[in-house]
Every structure is written in C-alpha cells, then in structure tokens.
Amino acid sequence: MGGYVRRMKGRLGKAEGTTAAAHKLARIVHGMIKSQKAYDEKEAFIITPQSASRRRKSLEKQAAALGFALQPSAA
C-alpha cells in the first residue's frame, strides 16, 4: 500500500494522492466486510489482463517517444 501511496502522490500531488490512497483503502475495507474475508495483499493489488495491457501500451508509448522500439522476449 505504501508504494501505491507514493506513486499516487508523485502522479497527482500530495493532497490528491492521499485522497486516492484513502479511496483505495476504503474499497479494500468494503470488500473485506462484504465478502467476510481477511485482507490479502495479493488479491488487493492483483495484476489483471486489462492492467497489464494498459501498462504495456504505456511502455510502448514511452519507448516510441524516446525513439526506441520494444521487442517481446521469450520469458
């Protein structure tokens, strides 16, 4: 959660980053209460196919802006 707070503060500014983190925390707590499950950080910050796709597109844009081309590797 600390990494998320720092990323949001860097991206949005101090007040908005704190608000975004508080909203994320409220959604996590609401989900815990609703599902009657204990907190699991792996589930709270899971990487979905949609988020992976957004991340990949963002990296491709950044690479193109710097004059680079990304090539997939055999992972």
PDB file of N, CA and C in Angstrom:
ATOM      1  N   MET A   1       0.821  -1.183   0.000  1.00  0.00           N
ATOM      2  CA  MET A   1       0.000   0.000   0.000  1.00  0.00           C
ATOM      3  C   MET A   1       0.876   1.261   0.000  1.00  0.00           C
ATOM      4  N   GLY A   2       2.026   1.182   0.661  1.00  0.00           N
ATOM      5  CA  GLY A   2       2.923   2.330   0.711  1.00  0.00           C
ATOM      6  C   GLY A   2       3.423   2.721  -0.663  1.00  0.00           C
ATOM      7  N   GLY A   3       3.735   1.733  -1.487  1.00  0.00           N
ATOM      8  CA  GLY A   3       4.181   2.014  -2.847  1.00  0.00           C
ATOM      9  C   GLY A   3       3.090   2.687  -3.663  1.00  0.00           C
ATOM     10  N   TYR A   4       1.865   2.251  -3.465  1.00  0.00           N
ATOM     11  CA  TYR A   4       0.733   2.847  -4.159  1.00  0.00           C
ATOM     12  C   TYR A   4       0.581   4.317  -3.756  1.00  0.00           C
ATOM     13  N   VAL A   5       0.693   4.586  -2.452  1.00  0.00           N
ATOM     14  CA  VAL A   5       0.565   5.963  -1.958  1.00  0.00           C
ATOM     15  C   VAL A   5       1.645   6.842  -2.576  1.00  0.00           C
ATOM     16  N   ARG A   6       2.880   6.377  -2.596  1.00  0.00           N
ATOM     17  CA  ARG A   6       3.969   7.165  -3.154  1.00  0.00           C
ATOM     18  C   ARG A   6       3.779   7.412  -4.652  1.00  0.00           C
ATOM     19  N   ARG A   7       3.316   6.388  -5.385  1.00  0.00           N
ATOM     20  CA  ARG A   7       3.070   6.568  -6.814  1.00  0.00           C
ATOM     21  C   ARG A   7       1.976   7.601  -7.061  1.00  0.00           C
ATOM     22  N   MET A   8       0.900   7.512  -6.304  1.00  0.00           N
ATOM     23  CA  MET A   8      -0.211   8.446  -6.495  1.00  0.00           C
ATOM     24  C   MET A   8       0.180   9.869  -6.106  1.00  0.00           C
ATOM     25  N   LYS A   9       0.954  10.031  -5.038  1.00  0.00           N
ATOM     26  CA  LYS A   9       1.399  11.365  -4.645  1.00  0.00           C
ATOM     27  C   LYS A   9       2.309  11.954  -5.718  1.00  0.00           C
ATOM     28  N   GLY A  10       3.158  11.129  -6.301  1.00  0.00           N
ATOM     29  CA  GLY A  10       4.039  11.604  -7.360  1.00  0.00           C
ATOM     30  C   GLY A  10       3.274  11.962  -8.617  1.00  0.00           C
ATOM     31  N   ARG A  11       2.236  11.233  -8.917  1.00  0.00           N
ATOM     32  CA  ARG A  11       1.462  11.443 -10.131  1.00  0.00           C
ATOM     33  C   ARG A  11       0.446  12.575  -9.981  1.00  0.00           C
ATOM     34  N   LEU A  12      -0.237  12.627  -8.820  1.00  0.00           N
ATOM     35  CA  LEU A  12      -1.360  13.545  -8.651  1.00  0.00           C
ATOM     36  C   LEU A  12      -1.072  14.744  -7.758  1.00  0.00           C
ATOM     37  N   GLY A  13      -0.013  14.679  -6.985  1.00  0.00           N
ATOM     38  CA  GLY A  13       0.241  15.719  -5.987  1.00  0.00           C
ATOM     39  C   GLY A  13      -0.099  15.179  -4.606  1.00  0.00           C
ATOM     40  N   LYS A  14       0.327  15.911  -3.593  1.00  0.00           N
ATOM     41  CA  LYS A  14       0.213  15.403  -2.231  1.00  0.00           C
ATOM     42  C   LYS A  14      -1.235  15.161  -1.797  1.00  0.00           C
ATOM     43  N   ALA A  15      -2.091  16.162  -1.911  1.00  0.00           N
ATOM     44  CA  ALA A  15      -3.469  16.034  -1.423  1.00  0.00           C
ATOM     45  C   ALA A  15      -4.264  15.014  -2.232  1.00  0.00           C
ATOM     46  N   GLU A  16      -4.179  15.085  -3.561  1.00  0.00           N
ATOM     47  CA  GLU A  16      -4.939  14.163  -4.401  1.00  0.00           C
ATOM     48  C   GLU A  16      -4.423  12.736  -4.271  1.00  0.00           C
ATOM     49  N   GLY A  17      -3.112  12.577  -4.101  1.00  0.00           N
ATOM     50  CA  GLY A  17      -2.538  11.248  -3.911  1.00  0.00           C
ATOM     51  C   GLY A  17      -3.004  10.607  -2.624  1.00  0.00           C
ATOM     52  N   THR A  18      -3.072  11.416  -1.566  1.00  0.00           N
ATOM     53  CA  THR A  18      -3.567  10.911  -0.291  1.00  0.00           C
ATOM     54  C   THR A  18      -5.036  10.525  -0.410  1.00  0.00           C
ATOM     55  N   THR A  19      -5.820  11.335  -1.112  1.00  0.00           N
ATOM     56  CA  THR A  19      -7.239  11.034  -1.317  1.00  0.00           C
ATOM     57  C   THR A  19      -7.411   9.750  -2.119  1.00  0.00           C
ATOM     58  N   ALA A  20      -6.602   9.560  -3.151  1.00  0.00           N
ATOM     59  CA  ALA A  20      -6.682   8.347  -3.961  1.00  0.00           C
ATOM     60  C   ALA A  20      -6.345   7.118  -3.121  1.00  0.00           C
ATOM     61  N   ALA A  21      -5.338   7.231  -2.272  1.00  0.00           N
ATOM     62  CA  ALA A  21      -4.958   6.111  -1.410  1.00  0.00           C
ATOM     63  C   ALA A  21      -6.055   5.818  -0.389  1.00  0.00           C
ATOM     64  N   ALA A  22      -6.682   6.868   0.157  1.00  0.00           N
ATOM     65  CA  ALA A  22      -7.777   6.669   1.107  1.00  0.00           C
ATOM     66  C   ALA A  22      -8.950   5.983   0.420  1.00  0.00           C
ATOM     67  N   HIS A  23      -9.233   6.352  -0.823  1.00  0.00           N
ATOM     68  CA  HIS A  23     -10.311   5.719  -1.571  1.00  0.00           C
ATOM     69  C   HIS A  23     -10.001   4.252  -1.829  1.00  0.00           C
ATOM     70  N   LYS A  24      -8.763   3.960  -2.172  1.00  0.00           N
ATOM     71  CA  LYS A  24      -8.347   2.571  -2.399  1.00  0.00           C
ATOM     72  C   LYS A  24      -8.503   1.761  -1.114  1.00  0.00           C
ATOM     73  N   LEU A  25      -8.075   2.342   0.007  1.00  0.00           N
ATOM     74  CA  LEU A  25      -8.189   1.664   1.289  1.00  0.00           C
ATOM     75  C   LEU A  25      -9.657   1.432   1.649  1.00  0.00           C
ATOM     76  N   ALA A  26     -10.512   2.417   1.387  1.00  0.00           N
ATOM     77  CA  ALA A  26     -11.940   2.267   1.672  1.00  0.00           C
ATOM     78  C   ALA A  26     -12.545   1.148   0.833  1.00  0.00           C
ATOM     79  N   ARG A  27     -12.131   1.039  -0.440  1.00  0.00           N
ATOM     80  CA  ARG A  27     -12.642  -0.038  -1.295  1.00  0.00           C
ATOM     81  C   ARG A  27     -12.177  -1.395  -0.795  1.00  0.00           C
ATOM     82  N   ILE A  28     -10.944  -1.473  -0.312  1.00  0.00           N
ATOM     83  CA  ILE A  28     -10.427  -2.738   0.225  1.00  0.00           C
ATOM     84  C   ILE A  28     -11.211  -3.143   1.465  1.00  0.00           C
ATOM     85  N   VAL A  29     -11.412  -2.192   2.382  1.00  0.00           N
ATOM     86  CA  VAL A  29     -12.141  -2.484   3.622  1.00  0.00           C
ATOM     87  C   VAL A  29     -13.578  -2.872   3.303  1.00  0.00           C
ATOM     88  N   HIS A  30     -14.214  -2.172   2.380  1.00  0.00           N
ATOM     89  CA  HIS A  30     -15.589  -2.504   1.999  1.00  0.00           C
ATOM     90  C   HIS A  30     -15.660  -3.923   1.443  1.00  0.00           C
ATOM     91  N   GLY A  31     -14.713  -4.273   0.595  1.00  0.00           N
ATOM     92  CA  GLY A  31     -14.684  -5.631   0.045  1.00  0.00           C
ATOM     93  C   GLY A  31     -14.477  -6.684   1.115  1.00  0.00           C
ATOM     94  N   MET A  32     -13.648  -6.375   2.110  1.00  0.00           N
ATOM     95  CA  MET A  32     -13.421  -7.321   3.213  1.00  0.00           C
ATOM     96  C   MET A  32     -14.701  -7.534   4.009  1.00  0.00           C
ATOM     97  N   ILE A  33     -15.390  -6.444   4.296  1.00  0.00           N
ATOM     98  CA  ILE A  33     -16.626  -6.543   5.077  1.00  0.00           C
ATOM     99  C   ILE A  33     -17.697  -7.286   4.282  1.00  0.00           C
ATOM    100  N   LYS A  34     -17.821  -6.957   3.013  1.00  0.00           N
ATOM    101  CA  LYS A  34     -18.848  -7.559   2.166  1.00  0.00           C
ATOM    102  C   LYS A  34     -18.625  -9.054   1.974  1.00  0.00           C
ATOM    103  N   SER A  35     -17.372  -9.455   1.761  1.00  0.00           N
ATOM    104  CA  SER A  35     -17.084 -10.868   1.485  1.00  0.00           C
ATOM    105  C   SER A  35     -16.753 -11.669   2.735  1.00  0.00           C
ATOM    106  N   GLN A  36     -16.605 -10.997   3.879  1.00  0.00           N
ATOM    107  CA  GLN A  36     -16.272 -11.663   5.144  1.00  0.00           C
ATOM    108  C   GLN A  36     -14.951 -12.435   5.038  1.00  0.00           C
ATOM    109  N   LYS A  37     -13.985 -11.859   4.330  1.00  0.00           N
ATOM    110  CA  LYS A  37     -12.666 -12.475   4.174  1.00  0.00           C
ATOM    111  C   LYS A  37     -11.611 -11.576   4.795  1.00  0.00           C
ATOM    112  N   ALA A  38     -10.522 -12.205   5.207  1.00  0.00           N
ATOM    113  CA  ALA A  38      -9.394 -11.454   5.755  1.00  0.00           C
ATOM    114  C   ALA A  38      -8.644 -10.754   4.621  1.00  0.00           C
ATOM    115  N   TYR A  39      -7.881  -9.719   4.970  1.00  0.00           N
ATOM    116  CA  TYR A  39      -7.114  -8.961   3.994  1.00  0.00           C
ATOM    117  C   TYR A  39      -6.027  -9.821   3.390  1.00  0.00           C
ATOM    118  N   ASP A  40      -5.916  -9.786   2.081  1.00  0.00           N
ATOM    119  CA  ASP A  40      -4.859 -10.485   1.365  1.00  0.00           C
ATOM    120  C   ASP A  40      -4.291  -9.517   0.330  1.00  0.00           C
ATOM    121  N   GLU A  41      -3.061  -9.086   0.537  1.00  0.00           N
ATOM    122  CA  GLU A  41      -2.459  -8.084  -0.340  1.00  0.00           C
ATOM    123  C   GLU A  41      -2.362  -8.579  -1.780  1.00  0.00           C
ATOM    124  N   LYS A  42      -2.206  -9.863  -1.971  1.00  0.00           N
ATOM    125  CA  LYS A  42      -2.121 -10.404  -3.324  1.00  0.00           C
ATOM    126  C   LYS A  42      -3.425 -10.163  -4.086  1.00  0.00           C
ATOM    127  N   GLU A  43      -4.547 -10.281  -3.397  1.00  0.00           N
ATOM    128  CA  GLU A  43      -5.829 -10.042  -4.051  1.00  0.00           C
ATOM    129  C   GLU A  43      -6.107  -8.554  -4.218  1.00  0.00           C
ATOM    130  N   ALA A  44      -5.670  -7.743  -3.285  1.00  0.00           N
ATOM    131  CA  ALA A  44      -5.944  -6.305  -3.339  1.00  0.00           C
ATOM    132  C   ALA A  44      -5.181  -5.634  -4.483  1.00  0.00           C
ATOM    133  N   PHE A  45      -3.999  -6.107  -4.791  1.00  0.00           N
ATOM    134  CA  PHE A  45      -3.161  -5.479  -5.813  1.00  0.00           C
ATOM    135  C   PHE A  45      -2.856  -6.460  -6.940  1.00  0.00           C
ATOM    136  N   ILE A  46      -3.845  -7.241  -7.329  1.00  0.00           N
ATOM    137  CA  ILE A  46      -3.655  -8.237  -8.374  1.00  0.00           C
ATOM    138  C   ILE A  46      -3.506  -7.547  -9.736  1.00  0.00           C
ATOM    139  N   ILE A  47      -2.675  -8.113 -10.588  1.00  0.00           N
ATOM    140  CA  ILE A  47      -2.468  -7.573 -11.922  1.00  0.00           C
ATOM    141  C   ILE A  47      -3.417  -8.302 -12.863  1.00  0.00           C
ATOM    142  N   THR A  48      -4.402  -7.570 -13.365  1.00  0.00           N
ATOM    143  CA  THR A  48      -5.396  -8.141 -14.275  1.00  0.00           C
ATOM    144  C   THR A  48      -4.883  -8.039 -15.705  1.00  0.00           C
ATOM    145  N   PRO A  49      -5.459  -8.801 -16.614  1.00  0.00           N
ATOM    146  CA  PRO A  49      -5.059  -8.662 -18.018  1.00  0.00           C
ATOM    147  C   PRO A  49      -5.263  -7.238 -18.545  1.00  0.00           C
ATOM    148  N   GLN A  50      -6.310  -6.554 -18.061  1.00  0.00           N
ATOM    149  CA  GLN A  50      -6.556  -5.187 -18.505  1.00  0.00           C
ATOM    150  C   GLN A  50      -5.452  -4.254 -18.017  1.00  0.00           C
ATOM    151  N   SER A  51      -5.029  -4.410 -16.758  1.00  0.00           N
ATOM    152  CA  SER A  51      -3.983  -3.531 -16.247  1.00  0.00           C
ATOM    153  C   SER A  51      -2.643  -3.834 -16.912  1.00  0.00           C
ATOM    154  N   ALA A  52      -2.397  -5.092 -17.219  1.00  0.00           N
ATOM    155  CA  ALA A  52      -1.162  -5.457 -17.914  1.00  0.00           C
ATOM    156  C   ALA A  52      -1.147  -4.859 -19.321  1.00  0.00           C
ATOM    157  N   SER A  53      -2.302  -4.870 -19.982  1.00  0.00           N
ATOM    158  CA  SER A  53      -2.407  -4.300 -21.319  1.00  0.00           C
ATOM    159  C   SER A  53      -2.183  -2.791 -21.292  1.00  0.00           C
ATOM    160  N   ARG A  54      -2.773  -2.103 -20.298  1.00  0.00           N
ATOM    161  CA  ARG A  54      -2.566  -0.664 -20.162  1.00  0.00           C
ATOM    162  C   ARG A  54      -1.100  -0.352 -19.911  1.00  0.00           C
ATOM    163  N   ARG A  55      -0.463  -1.147 -19.080  1.00  0.00           N
ATOM    164  CA  ARG A  55       0.953  -0.939 -18.758  1.00  0.00           C
ATOM    165  C   ARG A  55       1.819  -1.127 -19.998  1.00  0.00           C
ATOM    166  N   ARG A  56       1.504  -2.164 -20.787  1.00  0.00           N
ATOM    167  CA  ARG A  56       2.267  -2.451 -21.999  1.00  0.00           C
ATOM    168  C   ARG A  56       2.124  -1.301 -23.005  1.00  0.00           C
ATOM    169  N   LYS A  57       0.893  -0.794 -23.181  1.00  0.00           N
ATOM    170  CA  LYS A  57       0.671   0.320 -24.101  1.00  0.00           C
ATOM    171  C   LYS A  57       1.423   1.565 -23.642  1.00  0.00           C
ATOM    172  N   SER A  58       1.421   1.808 -22.342  1.00  0.00           N
ATOM    173  CA  SER A  58       2.121   2.961 -21.794  1.00  0.00           C
ATOM    174  C   SER A  58       3.624   2.850 -22.049  1.00  0.00           C
ATOM    175  N   LEU A  59       4.185   1.675 -21.834  1.00  0.00           N
ATOM    176  CA  LEU A  59       5.610   1.476 -22.075  1.00  0.00           C
ATOM    177  C   LEU A  59       5.955   1.628 -23.557  1.00  0.00           C
ATOM    178  N   GLU A  60       5.071   1.140 -24.432  1.00  0.00           N
ATOM    179  CA  GLU A  60       5.305   1.285 -25.864  1.00  0.00           C
ATOM    180  C   GLU A  60       5.303   2.755 -26.266  1.00  0.00           C
ATOM    181  N   LYS A  61       4.376   3.541 -25.702  1.00  0.00           N
ATOM    182  CA  LYS A  61       4.329   4.975 -25.995  1.00  0.00           C
ATOM    183  C   LYS A  61       5.590   5.674 -25.511  1.00  0.00           C
ATOM    184  N   GLN A  62       6.031   5.337 -24.308  1.00  0.00           N
ATOM    185  CA  GLN A  62       7.236   5.953 -23.755  1.00  0.00           C
ATOM    186  C   GLN A  62       8.450   5.608 -24.605  1.00  0.00           C
ATOM    187  N   ALA A  63       8.552   4.345 -25.020  1.00  0.00           N
ATOM    188  CA  ALA A  63       9.685   3.920 -25.839  1.00  0.00           C
ATOM    189  C   ALA A  63       9.668   4.644 -27.185  1.00  0.00           C
ATOM    190  N   ALA A  64       8.488   4.774 -27.795  1.00  0.00           N
ATOM    191  CA  ALA A  64       8.385   5.459 -29.088  1.00  0.00           C
ATOM    192  C   ALA A  64       8.773   6.931 -28.954  1.00  0.00           C
ATOM    193  N   ALA A  65       8.378   7.549 -27.858  1.00  0.00           N
ATOM    194  CA  ALA A  65       8.713   8.959 -27.637  1.00  0.00           C
ATOM    195  C   ALA A  65      10.220   9.153 -27.499  1.00  0.00           C
ATOM    196  N   LEU A  66      10.909   8.141 -27.006  1.00  0.00           N
ATOM    197  CA  LEU A  66      12.362   8.218 -26.851  1.00  0.00           C
ATOM    198  C   LEU A  66      13.113   7.680 -28.066  1.00  0.00           C
ATOM    199  N   GLY A  67      12.356   7.196 -29.063  1.00  0.00           N
ATOM    200  CA  GLY A  67      12.986   6.706 -30.280  1.00  0.00           C
ATOM    201  C   GLY A  67      13.393   5.245 -30.224  1.00  0.00           C
ATOM    202  N   PHE A  68      12.785   4.491 -29.344  1.00  0.00           N
ATOM    203  CA  PHE A  68      13.090   3.070 -29.221  1.00  0.00           C
ATOM    204  C   PHE A  68      11.893   2.255 -29.667  1.00  0.00           C
ATOM    205  N   ALA A  69      12.142   0.988 -29.981  1.00  0.00           N
ATOM    206  CA  ALA A  69      11.086   0.052 -30.310  1.00  0.00           C
ATOM    207  C   ALA A  69      11.213  -1.154 -29.383  1.00  0.00           C
ATOM    208  N   LEU A  70      10.100  -1.565 -28.805  1.00  0.00           N
ATOM    209  CA  LEU A  70      10.124  -2.713 -27.890  1.00  0.00           C
ATOM    210  C   LEU A  70       9.945  -4.002 -28.687  1.00  0.00           C
ATOM    211  N   GLN A  71      10.683  -5.020 -28.276  1.00  0.00           N
ATOM    212  CA  GLN A  71      10.536  -6.337 -28.888  1.00  0.00           C
ATOM    213  C   GLN A  71      10.267  -7.338 -27.785  1.00  0.00           C
ATOM    214  N   PRO A  72       9.293  -8.228 -28.012  1.00  0.00           N
ATOM    215  CA  PRO A  72       8.990  -9.228 -26.973  1.00  0.00           C
ATOM    216  C   PRO A  72      10.153 -10.214 -26.798  1.00  0.00           C
ATOM    217  N   SER A  73      10.319 -10.651 -25.574  1.00  0.00           N
ATOM    218  CA  SER A  73      11.373 -11.628 -25.304  1.00  0.00           C
ATOM    219  C   SER A  73      10.724 -12.954 -24.932  1.00  0.00           C
ATOM    220  N   ALA A  74      11.483 -14.008 -25.048  1.00  0.00           N
ATOM    221  CA  ALA A  74      10.983 -15.331 -24.674  1.00  0.00           C
ATOM    222  C   ALA A  74      11.173 -15.494 -23.166  1.00  0.00           C
ATOM    223  N   ALA A  75      10.114 -15.223 -22.433  1.00  0.00           N
ATOM    224  CA  ALA A  75      10.216 -15.263 -20.965  1.00  0.00           C
ATOM    225  C   ALA A  75       9.801 -16.595 -20.442  1.00  0.00           C
TER     226      ALA A  75
END
